[in-house]
Structure formats: structure tokens, C-alpha cells
Full PDB file with SEQRES, HELIX, SHEET, SSBOND, CRYST1, ORIGX, SCALE, CONECT and MASTER records, all heavy atoms in Angstrom:
SEQRES   1 A   41  LYS ARG LEU TYR LEU ILE ILE ALA GLY ARG GLU ALA GLU          
SEQRES   2 A   41  ILE LYS ALA GLU LEU ALA LYS TYR LYS TYR ASP ALA SER          
SEQRES   3 A   41  ARG VAL GLU ILE LEU ASP CYS PRO ASP VAL ILE GLY MET          
SEQRES   4 A   41  ASN ASP                                                      
HELIX    1 AA1 GLU A   11  LEU A   18  1                                   8    
HELIX    2 AA2 ALA A   25  ARG A   27  5                                   3    
SHEET    1 AA1 2 LEU A   5  GLY A   9  0                                        
SHEET    2 AA1 2 VAL A  28  ASP A  32  1                                        
CRYST1    1.000    1.000    1.000  90.00  90.00  90.00 P 1           1          
ORIGX1      1.000000  0.000000  0.000000        0.00000                         
ORIGX2      0.000000  1.000000  0.000000        0.00000                         
ORIGX3      0.000000  0.000000  1.000000        0.00000                         
SCALE1      1.000000  0.000000  0.000000        0.00000                         
SCALE2      0.000000  1.000000  0.000000        0.00000                         
SCALE3      0.000000  0.000000  1.000000        0.00000                         
ATOM      1  N   LYS A   1     -15.315 -14.346 -10.972  1.00  0.00           N  
ATOM      2  CA  LYS A   1     -15.177 -13.358 -12.068  1.00  0.00           C  
ATOM      3  C   LYS A   1     -15.785 -11.994 -11.752  1.00  0.00           C  
ATOM      4  O   LYS A   1     -15.602 -10.989 -12.419  1.00  0.00           O  
ATOM      5  CB  LYS A   1     -15.873 -13.923 -13.349  1.00  0.00           C  
ATOM      6  CG  LYS A   1     -15.317 -15.197 -13.756  1.00  0.00           C  
ATOM      7  CD  LYS A   1     -13.759 -15.209 -14.012  1.00  0.00           C  
ATOM      8  CE  LYS A   1     -13.219 -16.540 -14.482  1.00  0.00           C  
ATOM      9  NZ  LYS A   1     -11.707 -16.547 -14.604  1.00  0.00           N  
ATOM     10  N   ARG A   2     -16.471 -11.976 -10.615  1.00  0.00           N  
ATOM     11  CA  ARG A   2     -17.127 -10.677 -10.192  1.00  0.00           C  
ATOM     12  C   ARG A   2     -16.185  -9.922  -9.150  1.00  0.00           C  
ATOM     13  O   ARG A   2     -16.519  -8.886  -8.655  1.00  0.00           O  
ATOM     14  CB  ARG A   2     -18.423 -10.915  -9.585  1.00  0.00           C  
ATOM     15  CG  ARG A   2     -19.504 -11.339 -10.579  1.00  0.00           C  
ATOM     16  CD  ARG A   2     -20.768 -11.830  -9.832  1.00  0.00           C  
ATOM     17  NE  ARG A   2     -21.299 -10.864  -8.954  1.00  0.00           N  
ATOM     18  CZ  ARG A   2     -22.108 -11.168  -7.901  1.00  0.00           C  
ATOM     19  NH1 ARG A   2     -22.541 -12.499  -7.761  1.00  0.00           N  
ATOM     20  NH2 ARG A   2     -22.677 -10.347  -7.143  1.00  0.00           N  
ATOM     21  N   LEU A   3     -15.048 -10.543  -8.843  1.00  0.00           N  
ATOM     22  CA  LEU A   3     -14.168 -10.009  -7.794  1.00  0.00           C  
ATOM     23  C   LEU A   3     -13.214  -8.927  -8.468  1.00  0.00           C  
ATOM     24  O   LEU A   3     -12.615  -9.152  -9.587  1.00  0.00           O  
ATOM     25  CB  LEU A   3     -13.335 -11.159  -7.203  1.00  0.00           C  
ATOM     26  CG  LEU A   3     -12.134 -10.731  -6.364  1.00  0.00           C  
ATOM     27  CD1 LEU A   3     -12.538  -9.920  -5.073  1.00  0.00           C  
ATOM     28  CD2 LEU A   3     -11.305 -11.977  -5.975  1.00  0.00           C  
ATOM     29  N   TYR A   4     -13.111  -7.856  -7.827  1.00  0.00           N  
ATOM     30  CA  TYR A   4     -12.112  -6.747  -8.092  1.00  0.00           C  
ATOM     31  C   TYR A   4     -11.233  -6.566  -6.888  1.00  0.00           C  
ATOM     32  O   TYR A   4     -11.673  -6.254  -5.845  1.00  0.00           O  
ATOM     33  CB  TYR A   4     -12.843  -5.487  -8.456  1.00  0.00           C  
ATOM     34  CG  TYR A   4     -11.913  -4.423  -8.942  1.00  0.00           C  
ATOM     35  CD1 TYR A   4     -11.808  -4.111 -10.312  1.00  0.00           C  
ATOM     36  CD2 TYR A   4     -11.145  -3.579  -8.047  1.00  0.00           C  
ATOM     37  CE1 TYR A   4     -10.944  -3.068 -10.773  1.00  0.00           C  
ATOM     38  CE2 TYR A   4     -10.361  -2.558  -8.484  1.00  0.00           C  
ATOM     39  CZ  TYR A   4     -10.238  -2.295  -9.878  1.00  0.00           C  
ATOM     40  OH  TYR A   4      -9.448  -1.259 -10.323  1.00  0.00           O  
ATOM     41  N   LEU A   5      -9.870  -6.785  -7.006  1.00  0.00           N  
ATOM     42  CA  LEU A   5      -9.042  -6.752  -5.886  1.00  0.00           C  
ATOM     43  C   LEU A   5      -8.177  -5.410  -5.894  1.00  0.00           C  
ATOM     44  O   LEU A   5      -7.616  -5.011  -6.902  1.00  0.00           O  
ATOM     45  CB  LEU A   5      -8.022  -7.918  -5.900  1.00  0.00           C  
ATOM     46  CG  LEU A   5      -8.460  -9.221  -5.307  1.00  0.00           C  
ATOM     47  CD1 LEU A   5      -7.441 -10.298  -5.408  1.00  0.00           C  
ATOM     48  CD2 LEU A   5      -8.921  -9.002  -3.825  1.00  0.00           C  
ATOM     49  N   ILE A   6      -8.098  -4.798  -4.722  1.00  0.00           N  
ATOM     50  CA  ILE A   6      -7.189  -3.625  -4.555  1.00  0.00           C  
ATOM     51  C   ILE A   6      -6.161  -4.199  -3.562  1.00  0.00           C  
ATOM     52  O   ILE A   6      -6.369  -4.472  -2.397  1.00  0.00           O  
ATOM     53  CB  ILE A   6      -8.010  -2.525  -3.862  1.00  0.00           C  
ATOM     54  CG1 ILE A   6      -9.144  -2.059  -4.740  1.00  0.00           C  
ATOM     55  CG2 ILE A   6      -7.069  -1.383  -3.529  1.00  0.00           C  
ATOM     56  CD1 ILE A   6     -10.083  -1.074  -4.003  1.00  0.00           C  
ATOM     57  N   ILE A   7      -4.958  -4.347  -4.123  1.00  0.00           N  
ATOM     58  CA  ILE A   7      -3.868  -5.054  -3.411  1.00  0.00           C  
ATOM     59  C   ILE A   7      -3.022  -3.892  -2.754  1.00  0.00           C  
ATOM     60  O   ILE A   7      -2.425  -3.126  -3.361  1.00  0.00           O  
ATOM     61  CB  ILE A   7      -3.057  -5.935  -4.333  1.00  0.00           C  
ATOM     62  CG1 ILE A   7      -3.912  -6.927  -4.965  1.00  0.00           C  
ATOM     63  CG2 ILE A   7      -1.899  -6.547  -3.578  1.00  0.00           C  
ATOM     64  CD1 ILE A   7      -3.192  -7.838  -5.991  1.00  0.00           C  
ATOM     65  N   ALA A   8      -2.880  -3.937  -1.386  1.00  0.00           N  
ATOM     66  CA  ALA A   8      -2.304  -2.936  -0.586  1.00  0.00           C  
ATOM     67  C   ALA A   8      -0.888  -3.516  -0.163  1.00  0.00           C  
ATOM     68  O   ALA A   8      -0.864  -4.543   0.469  1.00  0.00           O  
ATOM     69  CB  ALA A   8      -3.107  -2.508   0.562  1.00  0.00           C  
ATOM     70  N   GLY A   9       0.083  -2.673  -0.313  1.00  0.00           N  
ATOM     71  CA  GLY A   9       1.438  -3.055   0.068  1.00  0.00           C  
ATOM     72  C   GLY A   9       2.502  -2.368  -0.687  1.00  0.00           C  
ATOM     73  O   GLY A   9       2.199  -1.346  -1.356  1.00  0.00           O  
ATOM     74  N   ARG A  10       3.667  -2.770  -0.578  1.00  0.00           N  
ATOM     75  CA  ARG A  10       4.795  -2.253  -1.353  1.00  0.00           C  
ATOM     76  C   ARG A  10       4.738  -2.485  -2.788  1.00  0.00           C  
ATOM     77  O   ARG A  10       4.777  -3.649  -3.228  1.00  0.00           O  
ATOM     78  CB  ARG A  10       6.166  -2.646  -0.739  1.00  0.00           C  
ATOM     79  CG  ARG A  10       6.368  -2.191   0.712  1.00  0.00           C  
ATOM     80  CD  ARG A  10       7.579  -2.781   1.242  1.00  0.00           C  
ATOM     81  NE  ARG A  10       7.903  -2.245   2.570  1.00  0.00           N  
ATOM     82  CZ  ARG A  10       8.591  -2.821   3.494  1.00  0.00           C  
ATOM     83  NH1 ARG A  10       9.155  -4.011   3.288  1.00  0.00           N  
ATOM     84  NH2 ARG A  10       8.791  -2.217   4.662  1.00  0.00           N  
ATOM     85  N   GLU A  11       4.520  -1.438  -3.623  1.00  0.00           N  
ATOM     86  CA  GLU A  11       4.205  -1.600  -5.038  1.00  0.00           C  
ATOM     87  C   GLU A  11       5.165  -2.475  -5.788  1.00  0.00           C  
ATOM     88  O   GLU A  11       4.795  -3.323  -6.574  1.00  0.00           O  
ATOM     89  CB  GLU A  11       3.983  -0.245  -5.676  1.00  0.00           C  
ATOM     90  CG  GLU A  11       3.519  -0.281  -7.097  1.00  0.00           C  
ATOM     91  CD  GLU A  11       3.204   1.033  -7.696  1.00  0.00           C  
ATOM     92  OE1 GLU A  11       3.477   2.096  -7.000  1.00  0.00           O  
ATOM     93  OE2 GLU A  11       2.740   1.096  -8.830  1.00  0.00           O  
ATOM     94  N   ALA A  12       6.413  -2.223  -5.576  1.00  0.00           N  
ATOM     95  CA  ALA A  12       7.440  -2.940  -6.304  1.00  0.00           C  
ATOM     96  C   ALA A  12       7.372  -4.392  -5.981  1.00  0.00           C  
ATOM     97  O   ALA A  12       7.563  -5.273  -6.957  1.00  0.00           O  
ATOM     98  CB  ALA A  12       8.854  -2.330  -6.056  1.00  0.00           C  
ATOM     99  N   GLU A  13       7.234  -4.716  -4.773  1.00  0.00           N  
ATOM    100  CA  GLU A  13       7.150  -6.162  -4.366  1.00  0.00           C  
ATOM    101  C   GLU A  13       5.947  -6.830  -4.907  1.00  0.00           C  
ATOM    102  O   GLU A  13       5.901  -8.022  -5.322  1.00  0.00           O  
ATOM    103  CB  GLU A  13       7.267  -6.355  -2.937  1.00  0.00           C  
ATOM    104  CG  GLU A  13       8.567  -5.873  -2.310  1.00  0.00           C  
ATOM    105  CD  GLU A  13       8.667  -6.044  -0.763  1.00  0.00           C  
ATOM    106  OE1 GLU A  13       8.173  -7.023  -0.374  1.00  0.00           O  
ATOM    107  OE2 GLU A  13       9.248  -5.073  -0.106  1.00  0.00           O  
ATOM    108  N   ILE A  14       4.816  -6.093  -4.898  1.00  0.00           N  
ATOM    109  CA  ILE A  14       3.540  -6.644  -5.448  1.00  0.00           C  
ATOM    110  C   ILE A  14       3.659  -6.972  -6.953  1.00  0.00           C  
ATOM    111  O   ILE A  14       3.315  -8.029  -7.390  1.00  0.00           O  
ATOM    112  CB  ILE A  14       2.386  -5.613  -5.225  1.00  0.00           C  
ATOM    113  CG1 ILE A  14       2.149  -5.480  -3.637  1.00  0.00           C  
ATOM    114  CG2 ILE A  14       1.150  -6.126  -5.892  1.00  0.00           C  
ATOM    115  CD1 ILE A  14       1.146  -4.445  -3.348  1.00  0.00           C  
ATOM    116  N   LYS A  15       4.233  -5.992  -7.679  1.00  0.00           N  
ATOM    117  CA  LYS A  15       4.423  -6.176  -9.168  1.00  0.00           C  
ATOM    118  C   LYS A  15       5.321  -7.394  -9.366  1.00  0.00           C  
ATOM    119  O   LYS A  15       5.073  -8.077 -10.383  1.00  0.00           O  
ATOM    120  CB  LYS A  15       4.956  -4.915  -9.749  1.00  0.00           C  
ATOM    121  CG  LYS A  15       3.928  -3.769  -9.826  1.00  0.00           C  
ATOM    122  CD  LYS A  15       4.513  -2.491 -10.565  1.00  0.00           C  
ATOM    123  CE  LYS A  15       3.434  -1.484 -10.668  1.00  0.00           C  
ATOM    124  NZ  LYS A  15       4.007  -0.306 -11.274  1.00  0.00           N  
ATOM    125  N   ALA A  16       6.392  -7.493  -8.669  1.00  0.00           N  
ATOM    126  CA  ALA A  16       7.337  -8.639  -8.873  1.00  0.00           C  
ATOM    127  C   ALA A  16       6.625  -9.962  -8.614  1.00  0.00           C  
ATOM    128  O   ALA A  16       6.885 -10.944  -9.376  1.00  0.00           O  
ATOM    129  CB  ALA A  16       8.514  -8.513  -7.961  1.00  0.00           C  
ATOM    130  N   GLU A  17       5.776 -10.045  -7.620  1.00  0.00           N  
ATOM    131  CA  GLU A  17       5.029 -11.329  -7.412  1.00  0.00           C  
ATOM    132  C   GLU A  17       3.963 -11.437  -8.457  1.00  0.00           C  
ATOM    133  O   GLU A  17       3.793 -12.627  -8.914  1.00  0.00           O  
ATOM    134  CB  GLU A  17       4.380 -11.290  -5.994  1.00  0.00           C  
ATOM    135  CG  GLU A  17       5.375 -11.354  -4.800  1.00  0.00           C  
ATOM    136  CD  GLU A  17       6.149 -12.624  -4.847  1.00  0.00           C  
ATOM    137  OE1 GLU A  17       5.626 -13.726  -5.289  1.00  0.00           O  
ATOM    138  OE2 GLU A  17       7.378 -12.587  -4.423  1.00  0.00           O  
ATOM    139  N   LEU A  18       3.234 -10.506  -8.815  1.00  0.00           N  
ATOM    140  CA  LEU A  18       2.155 -10.652  -9.829  1.00  0.00           C  
ATOM    141  C   LEU A  18       2.763 -11.126 -11.157  1.00  0.00           C  
ATOM    142  O   LEU A  18       2.036 -11.778 -11.942  1.00  0.00           O  
ATOM    143  CB  LEU A  18       1.394  -9.346  -9.948  1.00  0.00           C  
ATOM    144  CG  LEU A  18       0.397  -8.984  -8.813  1.00  0.00           C  
ATOM    145  CD1 LEU A  18      -0.154  -7.575  -9.096  1.00  0.00           C  
ATOM    146  CD2 LEU A  18      -0.748  -9.999  -8.814  1.00  0.00           C  
ATOM    147  N   ALA A  19       3.990 -10.688 -11.440  1.00  0.00           N  
ATOM    148  CA  ALA A  19       4.519 -11.053 -12.725  1.00  0.00           C  
ATOM    149  C   ALA A  19       4.730 -12.563 -12.948  1.00  0.00           C  
ATOM    150  O   ALA A  19       4.983 -13.051 -14.082  1.00  0.00           O  
ATOM    151  CB  ALA A  19       5.932 -10.309 -12.842  1.00  0.00           C  
ATOM    152  N   LYS A  20       4.684 -13.286 -11.798  1.00  0.00           N  
ATOM    153  CA  LYS A  20       4.824 -14.719 -11.872  1.00  0.00           C  
ATOM    154  C   LYS A  20       3.566 -15.463 -12.435  1.00  0.00           C  
ATOM    155  O   LYS A  20       3.627 -16.594 -12.662  1.00  0.00           O  
ATOM    156  CB  LYS A  20       5.156 -15.284 -10.517  1.00  0.00           C  
ATOM    157  CG  LYS A  20       6.459 -14.761  -9.863  1.00  0.00           C  
ATOM    158  CD  LYS A  20       6.672 -15.276  -8.485  1.00  0.00           C  
ATOM    159  CE  LYS A  20       7.847 -14.687  -7.779  1.00  0.00           C  
ATOM    160  NZ  LYS A  20       7.997 -15.210  -6.364  1.00  0.00           N  
ATOM    161  N   TYR A  21       2.461 -14.771 -12.490  1.00  0.00           N  
ATOM    162  CA  TYR A  21       1.098 -15.368 -12.720  1.00  0.00           C  
ATOM    163  C   TYR A  21       0.411 -14.714 -13.966  1.00  0.00           C  
ATOM    164  O   TYR A  21       0.694 -13.586 -14.354  1.00  0.00           O  
ATOM    165  CB  TYR A  21       0.236 -15.347 -11.545  1.00  0.00           C  
ATOM    166  CG  TYR A  21       0.878 -15.788 -10.293  1.00  0.00           C  
ATOM    167  CD1 TYR A  21       1.487 -15.027  -9.353  1.00  0.00           C  
ATOM    168  CD2 TYR A  21       0.905 -17.214 -10.085  1.00  0.00           C  
ATOM    169  CE1 TYR A  21       1.987 -15.471  -8.218  1.00  0.00           C  
ATOM    170  CE2 TYR A  21       1.492 -17.726  -8.883  1.00  0.00           C  
ATOM    171  CZ  TYR A  21       2.080 -16.812  -7.927  1.00  0.00           C  
ATOM    172  OH  TYR A  21       2.606 -17.338  -6.783  1.00  0.00           O  
ATOM    173  N   LYS A  22      -0.481 -15.513 -14.530  1.00  0.00           N  
ATOM    174  CA  LYS A  22      -1.378 -14.993 -15.497  1.00  0.00           C  
ATOM    175  C   LYS A  22      -2.659 -14.718 -14.776  1.00  0.00           C  
ATOM    176  O   LYS A  22      -3.229 -15.518 -14.050  1.00  0.00           O  
ATOM    177  CB  LYS A  22      -1.586 -15.968 -16.675  1.00  0.00           C  
ATOM    178  CG  LYS A  22      -0.391 -16.233 -17.466  1.00  0.00           C  
ATOM    179  CD  LYS A  22      -0.750 -17.203 -18.635  1.00  0.00           C  
ATOM    180  CE  LYS A  22       0.427 -17.394 -19.532  1.00  0.00           C  
ATOM    181  NZ  LYS A  22       0.096 -18.400 -20.645  1.00  0.00           N  
ATOM    182  N   TYR A  23      -3.250 -13.467 -15.000  1.00  0.00           N  
ATOM    183  CA  TYR A  23      -4.472 -13.058 -14.258  1.00  0.00           C  
ATOM    184  C   TYR A  23      -5.120 -11.944 -15.055  1.00  0.00           C  
ATOM    185  O   TYR A  23      -4.458 -11.364 -15.947  1.00  0.00           O  
ATOM    186  CB  TYR A  23      -4.168 -12.594 -12.798  1.00  0.00           C  
ATOM    187  CG  TYR A  23      -3.270 -11.453 -12.755  1.00  0.00           C  
ATOM    188  CD1 TYR A  23      -3.823 -10.178 -12.597  1.00  0.00           C  
ATOM    189  CD2 TYR A  23      -1.878 -11.540 -12.838  1.00  0.00           C  
ATOM    190  CE1 TYR A  23      -2.944  -9.064 -12.577  1.00  0.00           C  
ATOM    191  CE2 TYR A  23      -1.052 -10.449 -12.778  1.00  0.00           C  
ATOM    192  CZ  TYR A  23      -1.606  -9.236 -12.654  1.00  0.00           C  
ATOM    193  OH  TYR A  23      -0.840  -8.097 -12.535  1.00  0.00           O  
ATOM    194  N   ASP A  24      -6.369 -11.577 -14.672  1.00  0.00           N  
ATOM    195  CA  ASP A  24      -7.087 -10.539 -15.413  1.00  0.00           C  
ATOM    196  C   ASP A  24      -6.621  -9.181 -14.729  1.00  0.00           C  
ATOM    197  O   ASP A  24      -7.159  -8.865 -13.709  1.00  0.00           O  
ATOM    198  CB  ASP A  24      -8.575 -10.760 -15.233  1.00  0.00           C  
ATOM    199  CG  ASP A  24      -9.398  -9.734 -15.951  1.00  0.00           C  
ATOM    200  OD1 ASP A  24      -8.810  -8.767 -16.592  1.00  0.00           O  
ATOM    201  OD2 ASP A  24     -10.693  -9.856 -16.005  1.00  0.00           O  
ATOM    202  N   ALA A  25      -5.742  -8.534 -15.393  1.00  0.00           N  
ATOM    203  CA  ALA A  25      -5.182  -7.304 -14.810  1.00  0.00           C  
ATOM    204  C   ALA A  25      -6.226  -6.129 -14.728  1.00  0.00           C  
ATOM    205  O   ALA A  25      -6.050  -5.216 -13.952  1.00  0.00           O  
ATOM    206  CB  ALA A  25      -3.951  -6.741 -15.752  1.00  0.00           C  
ATOM    207  N   SER A  26      -7.316  -6.322 -15.533  1.00  0.00           N  
ATOM    208  CA  SER A  26      -8.373  -5.253 -15.494  1.00  0.00           C  
ATOM    209  C   SER A  26      -9.166  -5.263 -14.127  1.00  0.00           C  
ATOM    210  O   SER A  26      -9.981  -4.346 -13.929  1.00  0.00           O  
ATOM    211  CB  SER A  26      -9.422  -5.484 -16.633  1.00  0.00           C  
ATOM    212  OG  SER A  26     -10.140  -6.687 -16.488  1.00  0.00           O  
ATOM    213  N   ARG A  27      -8.925  -6.409 -13.399  1.00  0.00           N  
ATOM    214  CA  ARG A  27      -9.616  -6.522 -12.104  1.00  0.00           C  
ATOM    215  C   ARG A  27      -8.754  -6.402 -10.912  1.00  0.00           C  
ATOM    216  O   ARG A  27      -9.031  -6.830  -9.792  1.00  0.00           O  
ATOM    217  CB  ARG A  27     -10.460  -7.826 -12.059  1.00  0.00           C  
ATOM    218  CG  ARG A  27     -11.572  -7.930 -13.029  1.00  0.00           C  
ATOM    219  CD  ARG A  27     -12.435  -9.177 -12.803  1.00  0.00           C  
ATOM    220  NE  ARG A  27     -11.822 -10.387 -13.243  1.00  0.00           N  
ATOM    221  CZ  ARG A  27     -11.601 -11.439 -12.466  1.00  0.00           C  
ATOM    222  NH1 ARG A  27     -12.020 -11.430 -11.165  1.00  0.00           N  
ATOM    223  NH2 ARG A  27     -11.036 -12.489 -12.906  1.00  0.00           N  
ATOM    224  N   VAL A  28      -7.626  -5.704 -11.189  1.00  0.00           N  
ATOM    225  CA  VAL A  28      -6.580  -5.497 -10.109  1.00  0.00           C  
ATOM    226  C   VAL A  28      -6.100  -4.129 -10.100  1.00  0.00           C  
ATOM    227  O   VAL A  28      -5.775  -3.602 -11.181  1.00  0.00           O  
ATOM    228  CB  VAL A  28      -5.443  -6.549 -10.293  1.00  0.00           C  
ATOM    229  CG1 VAL A  28      -4.341  -6.229  -9.226  1.00  0.00           C  
ATOM    230  CG2 VAL A  28      -5.920  -8.012 -10.130  1.00  0.00           C  
ATOM    231  N   GLU A  29      -5.927  -3.483  -8.953  1.00  0.00           N  
ATOM    232  CA  GLU A  29      -5.222  -2.257  -8.825  1.00  0.00           C  
ATOM    233  C   GLU A  29      -4.312  -2.359  -7.561  1.00  0.00           C  
ATOM    234  O   GLU A  29      -4.630  -3.100  -6.699  1.00  0.00           O  
ATOM    235  CB  GLU A  29      -6.138  -1.051  -8.783  1.00  0.00           C  
ATOM    236  CG  GLU A  29      -6.948  -0.968  -7.516  1.00  0.00           C  
ATOM    237  CD  GLU A  29      -7.777   0.359  -7.425  1.00  0.00           C  
ATOM    238  OE1 GLU A  29      -7.251   1.319  -6.961  1.00  0.00           O  
ATOM    239  OE2 GLU A  29      -8.919   0.308  -7.959  1.00  0.00           O  
ATOM    240  N   ILE A  30      -3.321  -1.592  -7.592  1.00  0.00           N  
ATOM    241  CA  ILE A  30      -2.401  -1.631  -6.457  1.00  0.00           C  
ATOM    242  C   ILE A  30      -2.467  -0.255  -5.733  1.00  0.00           C  
ATOM    243  O   ILE A  30      -2.459   0.835  -6.204  1.00  0.00           O  
ATOM    244  CB  ILE A  30      -0.878  -1.763  -6.927  1.00  0.00           C  
ATOM    245  CG1 ILE A  30      -0.780  -3.092  -7.678  1.00  0.00           C  
ATOM    246  CG2 ILE A  30       0.111  -1.604  -5.806  1.00  0.00           C  
ATOM    247  CD1 ILE A  30       0.615  -3.338  -8.326  1.00  0.00           C  
ATOM    248  N   LEU A  31      -2.579  -0.479  -4.354  1.00  0.00           N  
ATOM    249  CA  LEU A  31      -2.510   0.671  -3.377  1.00  0.00           C  
ATOM    250  C   LEU A  31      -1.168   0.671  -2.743  1.00  0.00           C  
ATOM    251  O   LEU A  31      -0.905  -0.135  -1.831  1.00  0.00           O  
ATOM    252  CB  LEU A  31      -3.740   0.532  -2.397  1.00  0.00           C  
ATOM    253  CG  LEU A  31      -3.858   1.677  -1.307  1.00  0.00           C  
ATOM    254  CD1 LEU A  31      -4.194   2.960  -1.951  1.00  0.00           C  
ATOM    255  CD2 LEU A  31      -4.901   1.291  -0.283  1.00  0.00           C  
ATOM    256  N   ASP A  32      -0.314   1.553  -3.150  1.00  0.00           N  
ATOM    257  CA  ASP A  32       1.025   1.586  -2.663  1.00  0.00           C  
ATOM    258  C   ASP A  32       1.115   1.890  -1.124  1.00  0.00           C  
ATOM    259  O   ASP A  32       0.723   3.094  -0.778  1.00  0.00           O  
ATOM    260  CB  ASP A  32       1.890   2.631  -3.491  1.00  0.00           C  
ATOM    261  CG  ASP A  32       3.413   2.408  -3.127  1.00  0.00           C  
ATOM    262  OD1 ASP A  32       3.788   1.354  -2.689  1.00  0.00           O  
ATOM    263  OD2 ASP A  32       4.120   3.434  -3.309  1.00  0.00           O  
ATOM    264  N   CYS A  33       1.510   1.089  -0.353  1.00  0.00           N  
ATOM    265  CA  CYS A  33       1.698   1.264   1.166  1.00  0.00           C  
ATOM    266  C   CYS A  33       3.076   0.783   1.445  1.00  0.00           C  
ATOM    267  O   CYS A  33       3.233  -0.338   1.980  1.00  0.00           O  
ATOM    268  CB  CYS A  33       0.609   0.472   1.872  1.00  0.00           C  
ATOM    269  SG  CYS A  33      -1.034   0.924   1.447  1.00  0.00           S  
ATOM    270  N   PRO A  34       4.040   1.717   1.498  1.00  0.00           N  
ATOM    271  CA  PRO A  34       5.383   1.350   1.728  1.00  0.00           C  
ATOM    272  C   PRO A  34       5.737   0.941   3.226  1.00  0.00           C  
ATOM    273  O   PRO A  34       6.625   0.265   3.543  1.00  0.00           O  
ATOM    274  CB  PRO A  34       6.246   2.489   1.255  1.00  0.00           C  
ATOM    275  CG  PRO A  34       5.242   3.628   1.257  1.00  0.00           C  
ATOM    276  CD  PRO A  34       3.928   3.000   1.015  1.00  0.00           C  
ATOM    277  N   ASP A  35       4.955   1.514   4.069  1.00  0.00           N  
ATOM    278  CA  ASP A  35       5.062   1.164   5.578  1.00  0.00           C  
ATOM    279  C   ASP A  35       4.428  -0.155   5.913  1.00  0.00           C  
ATOM    280  O   ASP A  35       3.362  -0.523   5.337  1.00  0.00           O  
ATOM    281  CB  ASP A  35       4.438   2.184   6.379  1.00  0.00           C  
ATOM    282  CG  ASP A  35       5.133   3.591   6.347  1.00  0.00           C  
ATOM    283  OD1 ASP A  35       6.378   3.588   5.795  1.00  0.00           O  
ATOM    284  OD2 ASP A  35       4.592   4.597   6.740  1.00  0.00           O  
ATOM    285  N   VAL A  36       5.015  -0.864   6.750  1.00  0.00           N  
ATOM    286  CA  VAL A  36       4.494  -2.182   7.202  1.00  0.00           C  
ATOM    287  C   VAL A  36       4.431  -2.236   8.714  1.00  0.00           C  
ATOM    288  O   VAL A  36       5.417  -1.840   9.491  1.00  0.00           O  
ATOM    289  CB  VAL A  36       5.402  -3.332   6.787  1.00  0.00           C  
ATOM    290  CG1 VAL A  36       4.908  -4.750   7.301  1.00  0.00           C  
ATOM    291  CG2 VAL A  36       5.481  -3.482   5.183  1.00  0.00           C  
ATOM    292  N   ILE A  37       3.275  -2.611   9.216  1.00  0.00           N  
ATOM    293  CA  ILE A  37       3.077  -2.770  10.730  1.00  0.00           C  
ATOM    294  C   ILE A  37       3.525  -4.071  11.071  1.00  0.00           C  
ATOM    295  O   ILE A  37       2.958  -5.127  10.652  1.00  0.00           O  
ATOM    296  CB  ILE A  37       1.693  -2.425  11.093  1.00  0.00           C  
ATOM    297  CG1 ILE A  37       1.214  -0.993  10.720  1.00  0.00           C  
ATOM    298  CG2 ILE A  37       1.405  -2.660  12.579  1.00  0.00           C  
ATOM    299  CD1 ILE A  37      -0.256  -0.698  10.938  1.00  0.00           C  
ATOM    300  N   GLY A  38       4.575  -4.149  11.953  1.00  0.00           N  
ATOM    301  CA  GLY A  38       5.120  -5.443  12.424  1.00  0.00           C  
ATOM    302  C   GLY A  38       4.361  -6.030  13.574  1.00  0.00           C  
ATOM    303  O   GLY A  38       3.616  -5.325  14.287  1.00  0.00           O  
ATOM    304  N   MET A  39       4.623  -7.295  13.844  1.00  0.00           N  
ATOM    305  CA  MET A  39       3.942  -7.955  15.026  1.00  0.00           C  
ATOM    306  C   MET A  39       4.450  -7.352  16.387  1.00  0.00           C  
ATOM    307  O   MET A  39       3.629  -7.449  17.391  1.00  0.00           O  
ATOM    308  CB  MET A  39       4.246  -9.413  15.062  1.00  0.00           C  
ATOM    309  CG  MET A  39       3.702 -10.106  13.815  1.00  0.00           C  
ATOM    310  SD  MET A  39       1.869 -10.023  13.687  1.00  0.00           S  
ATOM    311  CE  MET A  39       1.503 -10.934  12.215  1.00  0.00           C  
ATOM    312  N   ASN A  40       5.594  -6.700  16.394  1.00  0.00           N  
ATOM    313  CA  ASN A  40       6.096  -6.173  17.683  1.00  0.00           C  
ATOM    314  C   ASN A  40       5.715  -4.626  17.871  1.00  0.00           C  
ATOM    315  O   ASN A  40       5.966  -4.070  18.876  1.00  0.00           O  
ATOM    316  CB  ASN A  40       7.650  -6.363  17.696  1.00  0.00           C  
ATOM    317  CG  ASN A  40       8.043  -7.683  17.762  1.00  0.00           C  
ATOM    318  OD1 ASN A  40       7.391  -8.584  18.503  1.00  0.00           O  
ATOM    319  ND2 ASN A  40       9.129  -8.112  17.122  1.00  0.00           N  
ATOM    320  N   ASP A  41       5.094  -4.078  16.873  1.00  0.00           N  
ATOM    321  CA  ASP A  41       4.614  -2.709  16.961  1.00  0.00           C  
ATOM    322  C   ASP A  41       3.474  -2.579  17.879  1.00  0.00           C  
ATOM    323  O   ASP A  41       2.587  -3.512  17.884  1.00  0.00           O  
ATOM    324  CB  ASP A  41       4.239  -2.187  15.581  1.00  0.00           C  
ATOM    325  CG  ASP A  41       5.462  -1.886  14.667  1.00  0.00           C  
ATOM    326  OD1 ASP A  41       6.520  -1.613  15.182  1.00  0.00           O  
ATOM    327  OD2 ASP A  41       5.316  -1.972  13.389  1.00  0.00           O  
TER     328      ASP A  41                                                      
MASTER        0    0    0    2    2    0    0    6  327    1    0    4          
END                                                                             
């Protein structure tokens, strides 16, 4: 209950996944990072 998460990634995809669950939204923020570093980069 003392954890606050900053979730980094593509905002639209994060919101779509979070919508599947019940959670304390006051302890979550999204850091929009549309670029993804691949394993071959």
C-alpha cells in the first residue's frame, strides 16, 4: 500500500491493459514513451 507506480510505455496500450483490472488509480501515473527499444537495437 506504500507503493506508487510510474508506468512507462505507450499510453494507449497501458490504459487498455489497466482497464482490465481494479486498482488504486491514485497510486499510478503513466509516463508516455511511444518509442520501444527492441532486442535487435
